[in-house]
Amino acid sequence: SPFDLYNYDYIDNGHGPFSFIEKLVNHYCENHRDKVHKLLKEYICKFVVPEWLELNELTKERRKP
């Protein structure tokens, strides 16, 4: 899956989209956890991560002296 291409820690660091879905799934999806997890991860990889990474890069550029 596209999700596996991303290195969790590098991208997320506890504050990004992956941490968010972990929390969401663990709190609200007891009965259908795996199914919901899979769908959310696919959605996030397809739509959220590219935007999020781009934003991250722009922020890094701005921080350079």
PDB file of N, CA and C in Angstrom:
ATOM      1  N   SER A   1       0.844  -1.190   0.000  1.00  0.00           N
ATOM      2  CA  SER A   1       0.000   0.000   0.000  1.00  0.00           C
ATOM      3  C   SER A   1       0.884   1.246   0.000  1.00  0.00           C
ATOM      4  N   PRO A   2       0.355   2.349  -0.449  1.00  0.00           N
ATOM      5  CA  PRO A   2       1.169   3.566  -0.497  1.00  0.00           C
ATOM      6  C   PRO A   2       1.666   3.952   0.894  1.00  0.00           C
ATOM      7  N   PHE A   3       0.900   3.603   1.896  1.00  0.00           N
ATOM      8  CA  PHE A   3       1.246   3.941   3.273  1.00  0.00           C
ATOM      9  C   PHE A   3       2.624   3.426   3.656  1.00  0.00           C
ATOM     10  N   ASP A   4       2.950   2.226   3.190  1.00  0.00           N
ATOM     11  CA  ASP A   4       4.211   1.599   3.585  1.00  0.00           C
ATOM     12  C   ASP A   4       5.429   2.306   2.995  1.00  0.00           C
ATOM     13  N   LEU A   5       5.217   3.136   1.990  1.00  0.00           N
ATOM     14  CA  LEU A   5       6.348   3.826   1.383  1.00  0.00           C
ATOM     15  C   LEU A   5       6.870   4.922   2.297  1.00  0.00           C
ATOM     16  N   TYR A   6       6.029   5.335   3.249  1.00  0.00           N
ATOM     17  CA  TYR A   6       6.419   6.453   4.091  1.00  0.00           C
ATOM     18  C   TYR A   6       7.031   5.965   5.389  1.00  0.00           C
ATOM     19  N   ASN A   7       8.057   6.646   5.810  1.00  0.00           N
ATOM     20  CA  ASN A   7       8.643   6.350   7.102  1.00  0.00           C
ATOM     21  C   ASN A   7       7.908   7.172   8.157  1.00  0.00           C
ATOM     22  N   TYR A   8       7.064   6.471   8.894  1.00  0.00           N
ATOM     23  CA  TYR A   8       6.300   7.034  10.015  1.00  0.00           C
ATOM     24  C   TYR A   8       6.971   8.176  10.752  1.00  0.00           C
ATOM     25  N   ASP A   9       8.140   7.847  11.379  1.00  0.00           N
ATOM     26  CA  ASP A   9       8.759   8.765  12.319  1.00  0.00           C
ATOM     27  C   ASP A   9       9.255  10.020  11.624  1.00  0.00           C
ATOM     28  N   TYR A  10       9.815   9.813  10.452  1.00  0.00           N
ATOM     29  CA  TYR A  10      10.349  10.963   9.728  1.00  0.00           C
ATOM     30  C   TYR A  10       9.234  11.950   9.410  1.00  0.00           C
ATOM     31  N   ILE A  11       8.141  11.430   8.898  1.00  0.00           N
ATOM     32  CA  ILE A  11       7.059  12.291   8.466  1.00  0.00           C
ATOM     33  C   ILE A  11       6.298  12.877   9.638  1.00  0.00           C
ATOM     34  N   ASP A  12       6.071  12.059  10.624  1.00  0.00           N
ATOM     35  CA  ASP A  12       5.040  12.362  11.579  1.00  0.00           C
ATOM     36  C   ASP A  12       5.521  12.984  12.869  1.00  0.00           C
ATOM     37  N   ASN A  13       6.472  12.313  13.493  1.00  0.00           N
ATOM     38  CA  ASN A  13       7.033  12.827  14.725  1.00  0.00           C
ATOM     39  C   ASN A  13       5.987  13.089  15.800  1.00  0.00           C
ATOM     40  N   GLY A  14       4.909  12.316  15.777  1.00  0.00           N
ATOM     41  CA  GLY A  14       3.900  12.443  16.820  1.00  0.00           C
ATOM     42  C   GLY A  14       2.887  13.538  16.597  1.00  0.00           C
ATOM     43  N   HIS A  15       3.041  14.333  15.526  1.00  0.00           N
ATOM     44  CA  HIS A  15       2.138  15.464  15.357  1.00  0.00           C
ATOM     45  C   HIS A  15       1.456  15.507  14.008  1.00  0.00           C
ATOM     46  N   GLY A  16       1.827  14.618  13.123  1.00  0.00           N
ATOM     47  CA  GLY A  16       1.301  14.689  11.769  1.00  0.00           C
ATOM     48  C   GLY A  16       0.045  13.855  11.569  1.00  0.00           C
ATOM     49  N   PRO A  17      -0.332  13.660  10.318  1.00  0.00           N
ATOM     50  CA  PRO A  17      -1.560  12.942   9.988  1.00  0.00           C
ATOM     51  C   PRO A  17      -1.580  11.511  10.504  1.00  0.00           C
ATOM     52  N   PHE A  18      -0.424  10.852  10.557  1.00  0.00           N
ATOM     53  CA  PHE A  18      -0.439   9.460  10.987  1.00  0.00           C
ATOM     54  C   PHE A  18      -0.806   9.326  12.461  1.00  0.00           C
ATOM     55  N   SER A  19      -0.239  10.185  13.285  1.00  0.00           N
ATOM     56  CA  SER A  19      -0.585  10.156  14.704  1.00  0.00           C
ATOM     57  C   SER A  19      -2.063  10.438  14.886  1.00  0.00           C
ATOM     58  N   PHE A  20      -2.543  11.368  14.101  1.00  0.00           N
ATOM     59  CA  PHE A  20      -3.955  11.721  14.186  1.00  0.00           C
ATOM     60  C   PHE A  20      -4.848  10.517  13.905  1.00  0.00           C
ATOM     61  N   ILE A  21      -4.560   9.775  12.815  1.00  0.00           N
ATOM     62  CA  ILE A  21      -5.426   8.626  12.536  1.00  0.00           C
ATOM     63  C   ILE A  21      -5.266   7.535  13.573  1.00  0.00           C
ATOM     64  N   GLU A  22      -4.065   7.356  14.113  1.00  0.00           N
ATOM     65  CA  GLU A  22      -3.897   6.346  15.160  1.00  0.00           C
ATOM     66  C   GLU A  22      -4.830   6.660  16.318  1.00  0.00           C
ATOM     67  N   LYS A  23      -4.826   7.925  16.732  1.00  0.00           N
ATOM     68  CA  LYS A  23      -5.659   8.342  17.862  1.00  0.00           C
ATOM     69  C   LYS A  23      -7.132   8.166  17.527  1.00  0.00           C
ATOM     70  N   LEU A  24      -7.498   8.613  16.347  1.00  0.00           N
ATOM     71  CA  LEU A  24      -8.889   8.541  15.921  1.00  0.00           C
ATOM     72  C   LEU A  24      -9.387   7.098  15.928  1.00  0.00           C
ATOM     73  N   VAL A  25      -8.622   6.233  15.269  1.00  0.00           N
ATOM     74  CA  VAL A  25      -9.023   4.839  15.151  1.00  0.00           C
ATOM     75  C   VAL A  25      -9.087   4.177  16.525  1.00  0.00           C
ATOM     76  N   ASN A  26      -8.085   4.416  17.346  1.00  0.00           N
ATOM     77  CA  ASN A  26      -8.067   3.774  18.650  1.00  0.00           C
ATOM     78  C   ASN A  26      -9.219   4.219  19.533  1.00  0.00           C
ATOM     79  N   HIS A  27      -9.640   5.460  19.407  1.00  0.00           N
ATOM     80  CA  HIS A  27     -10.703   5.958  20.270  1.00  0.00           C
ATOM     81  C   HIS A  27     -12.106   5.616  19.779  1.00  0.00           C
ATOM     82  N   TYR A  28     -12.307   5.629  18.460  1.00  0.00           N
ATOM     83  CA  TYR A  28     -13.678   5.566  17.973  1.00  0.00           C
ATOM     84  C   TYR A  28     -14.047   4.344  17.164  1.00  0.00           C
ATOM     85  N   CYS A  29     -13.101   3.499  16.838  1.00  0.00           N
ATOM     86  CA  CYS A  29     -13.407   2.466  15.864  1.00  0.00           C
ATOM     87  C   CYS A  29     -13.213   1.053  16.390  1.00  0.00           C
ATOM     88  N   GLU A  30     -13.530   0.815  17.646  1.00  0.00           N
ATOM     89  CA  GLU A  30     -13.327  -0.507  18.230  1.00  0.00           C
ATOM     90  C   GLU A  30     -13.803  -1.644  17.322  1.00  0.00           C
ATOM     91  N   ASN A  31     -15.030  -1.546  16.823  1.00  0.00           N
ATOM     92  CA  ASN A  31     -15.638  -2.680  16.123  1.00  0.00           C
ATOM     93  C   ASN A  31     -15.098  -2.919  14.723  1.00  0.00           C
ATOM     94  N   HIS A  32     -14.682  -1.855  14.063  1.00  0.00           N
ATOM     95  CA  HIS A  32     -14.245  -2.010  12.671  1.00  0.00           C
ATOM     96  C   HIS A  32     -12.850  -1.452  12.495  1.00  0.00           C
ATOM     97  N   ARG A  33     -12.048  -1.597  13.521  1.00  0.00           N
ATOM     98  CA  ARG A  33     -10.747  -0.934  13.551  1.00  0.00           C
ATOM     99  C   ARG A  33      -9.918  -1.148  12.291  1.00  0.00           C
ATOM    100  N   ASP A  34      -9.708  -2.406  11.886  1.00  0.00           N
ATOM    101  CA  ASP A  34      -8.806  -2.679  10.772  1.00  0.00           C
ATOM    102  C   ASP A  34      -9.295  -2.070   9.471  1.00  0.00           C
ATOM    103  N   LYS A  35     -10.592  -2.220   9.239  1.00  0.00           N
ATOM    104  CA  LYS A  35     -11.171  -1.707   8.002  1.00  0.00           C
ATOM    105  C   LYS A  35     -11.047  -0.181   7.949  1.00  0.00           C
ATOM    106  N   VAL A  36     -11.407   0.453   9.044  1.00  0.00           N
ATOM    107  CA  VAL A  36     -11.361   1.908   9.099  1.00  0.00           C
ATOM    108  C   VAL A  36      -9.924   2.411   8.986  1.00  0.00           C
ATOM    109  N   HIS A  37      -9.035   1.728   9.670  1.00  0.00           N
ATOM    110  CA  HIS A  37      -7.620   2.071   9.643  1.00  0.00           C
ATOM    111  C   HIS A  37      -7.113   2.083   8.208  1.00  0.00           C
ATOM    112  N   LYS A  38      -7.406   1.000   7.506  1.00  0.00           N
ATOM    113  CA  LYS A  38      -6.939   0.837   6.137  1.00  0.00           C
ATOM    114  C   LYS A  38      -7.468   1.979   5.250  1.00  0.00           C
ATOM    115  N   LEU A  39      -8.756   2.257   5.354  1.00  0.00           N
ATOM    116  CA  LEU A  39      -9.355   3.292   4.517  1.00  0.00           C
ATOM    117  C   LEU A  39      -8.770   4.668   4.835  1.00  0.00           C
ATOM    118  N   LEU A  40      -8.609   4.947   6.117  1.00  0.00           N
ATOM    119  CA  LEU A  40      -8.054   6.237   6.512  1.00  0.00           C
ATOM    120  C   LEU A  40      -6.616   6.387   6.034  1.00  0.00           C
ATOM    121  N   LYS A  41      -5.841   5.333   6.165  1.00  0.00           N
ATOM    122  CA  LYS A  41      -4.445   5.396   5.739  1.00  0.00           C
ATOM    123  C   LYS A  41      -4.364   5.626   4.231  1.00  0.00           C
ATOM    124  N   GLU A  42      -5.204   4.937   3.494  1.00  0.00           N
ATOM    125  CA  GLU A  42      -5.188   5.110   2.042  1.00  0.00           C
ATOM    126  C   GLU A  42      -5.550   6.542   1.671  1.00  0.00           C
ATOM    127  N   TYR A  43      -6.567   7.050   2.327  1.00  0.00           N
ATOM    128  CA  TYR A  43      -7.003   8.413   2.056  1.00  0.00           C
ATOM    129  C   TYR A  43      -5.891   9.414   2.376  1.00  0.00           C
ATOM    130  N   ILE A  44      -5.297   9.236   3.537  1.00  0.00           N
ATOM    131  CA  ILE A  44      -4.261  10.164   3.973  1.00  0.00           C
ATOM    132  C   ILE A  44      -3.031  10.108   3.068  1.00  0.00           C
ATOM    133  N   CYS A  45      -2.652   8.918   2.632  1.00  0.00           N
ATOM    134  CA  CYS A  45      -1.495   8.808   1.745  1.00  0.00           C
ATOM    135  C   CYS A  45      -1.751   9.465   0.404  1.00  0.00           C
ATOM    136  N   LYS A  46      -2.981   9.324  -0.050  1.00  0.00           N
ATOM    137  CA  LYS A  46      -3.294   9.834  -1.375  1.00  0.00           C
ATOM    138  C   LYS A  46      -3.444  11.359  -1.369  1.00  0.00           C
ATOM    139  N   PHE A  47      -4.069  11.894  -0.321  1.00  0.00           N
ATOM    140  CA  PHE A  47      -4.446  13.304  -0.360  1.00  0.00           C
ATOM    141  C   PHE A  47      -3.749  14.186   0.668  1.00  0.00           C
ATOM    142  N   VAL A  48      -3.614  13.693   1.874  1.00  0.00           N
ATOM    143  CA  VAL A  48      -3.096  14.538   2.944  1.00  0.00           C
ATOM    144  C   VAL A  48      -1.575  14.611   2.943  1.00  0.00           C
ATOM    145  N   VAL A  49      -0.916  13.459   2.822  1.00  0.00           N
ATOM    146  CA  VAL A  49       0.539  13.420   2.966  1.00  0.00           C
ATOM    147  C   VAL A  49       1.271  14.304   1.953  1.00  0.00           C
ATOM    148  N   PRO A  50       0.914  14.242   0.669  1.00  0.00           N
ATOM    149  CA  PRO A  50       1.649  15.094  -0.276  1.00  0.00           C
ATOM    150  C   PRO A  50       1.565  16.570   0.108  1.00  0.00           C
ATOM    151  N   GLU A  51       0.371  17.022   0.490  1.00  0.00           N
ATOM    152  CA  GLU A  51       0.192  18.413   0.899  1.00  0.00           C
ATOM    153  C   GLU A  51       1.015  18.711   2.141  1.00  0.00           C
ATOM    154  N   TRP A  52       0.948  17.772   3.075  1.00  0.00           N
ATOM    155  CA  TRP A  52       1.603  17.959   4.369  1.00  0.00           C
ATOM    156  C   TRP A  52       3.116  18.018   4.202  1.00  0.00           C
ATOM    157  N   LEU A  53       3.651  17.143   3.358  1.00  0.00           N
ATOM    158  CA  LEU A  53       5.093  17.125   3.111  1.00  0.00           C
ATOM    159  C   LEU A  53       5.536  18.408   2.421  1.00  0.00           C
ATOM    160  N   GLU A  54       4.725  18.861   1.491  1.00  0.00           N
ATOM    161  CA  GLU A  54       5.057  20.077   0.757  1.00  0.00           C
ATOM    162  C   GLU A  54       5.112  21.255   1.726  1.00  0.00           C
ATOM    163  N   LEU A  55       4.144  21.323   2.592  1.00  0.00           N
ATOM    164  CA  LEU A  55       4.089  22.371   3.602  1.00  0.00           C
ATOM    165  C   LEU A  55       5.320  22.309   4.506  1.00  0.00           C
ATOM    166  N   ASN A  56       5.669  21.102   4.890  1.00  0.00           N
ATOM    167  CA  ASN A  56       6.834  20.865   5.738  1.00  0.00           C
ATOM    168  C   ASN A  56       8.109  21.381   5.083  1.00  0.00           C
ATOM    169  N   GLU A  57       8.261  21.074   3.796  1.00  0.00           N
ATOM    170  CA  GLU A  57       9.444  21.512   3.058  1.00  0.00           C
ATOM    171  C   GLU A  57       9.502  23.036   2.993  1.00  0.00           C
ATOM    172  N   LEU A  58       8.371  23.649   2.730  1.00  0.00           N
ATOM    173  CA  LEU A  58       8.324  25.109   2.650  1.00  0.00           C
ATOM    174  C   LEU A  58       8.714  25.724   3.987  1.00  0.00           C
ATOM    175  N   THR A  59       8.235  25.136   5.049  1.00  0.00           N
ATOM    176  CA  THR A  59       8.545  25.627   6.389  1.00  0.00           C
ATOM    177  C   THR A  59      10.038  25.495   6.665  1.00  0.00           C
ATOM    178  N   LYS A  60      10.606  24.347   6.277  1.00  0.00           N
ATOM    179  CA  LYS A  60      12.045  24.121   6.476  1.00  0.00           C
ATOM    180  C   LYS A  60      12.854  25.167   5.720  1.00  0.00           C
ATOM    181  N   GLU A  61      12.446  25.442   4.481  1.00  0.00           N
ATOM    182  CA  GLU A  61      13.152  26.431   3.664  1.00  0.00           C
ATOM    183  C   GLU A  61      13.163  27.785   4.373  1.00  0.00           C
ATOM    184  N   ARG A  62      12.036  28.156   4.934  1.00  0.00           N
ATOM    185  CA  ARG A  62      11.925  29.452   5.598  1.00  0.00           C
ATOM    186  C   ARG A  62      12.808  29.547   6.828  1.00  0.00           C
ATOM    187  N   ARG A  63      13.028  28.408   7.484  1.00  0.00           N
ATOM    188  CA  ARG A  63      13.823  28.424   8.715  1.00  0.00           C
ATOM    189  C   ARG A  63      15.313  28.565   8.461  1.00  0.00           C
ATOM    190  N   LYS A  64      15.745  28.270   7.227  1.00  0.00           N
ATOM    191  CA  LYS A  64      17.181  28.359   6.919  1.00  0.00           C
ATOM    192  C   LYS A  64      17.660  29.799   7.045  1.00  0.00           C
ATOM    193  N   PRO A  65      18.839  29.987   7.646  1.00  0.00           N
ATOM    194  CA  PRO A  65      19.348  31.356   7.815  1.00  0.00           C
ATOM    195  C   PRO A  65      19.713  31.998   6.474  1.00  0.00           C
TER     196      PRO A  65
END
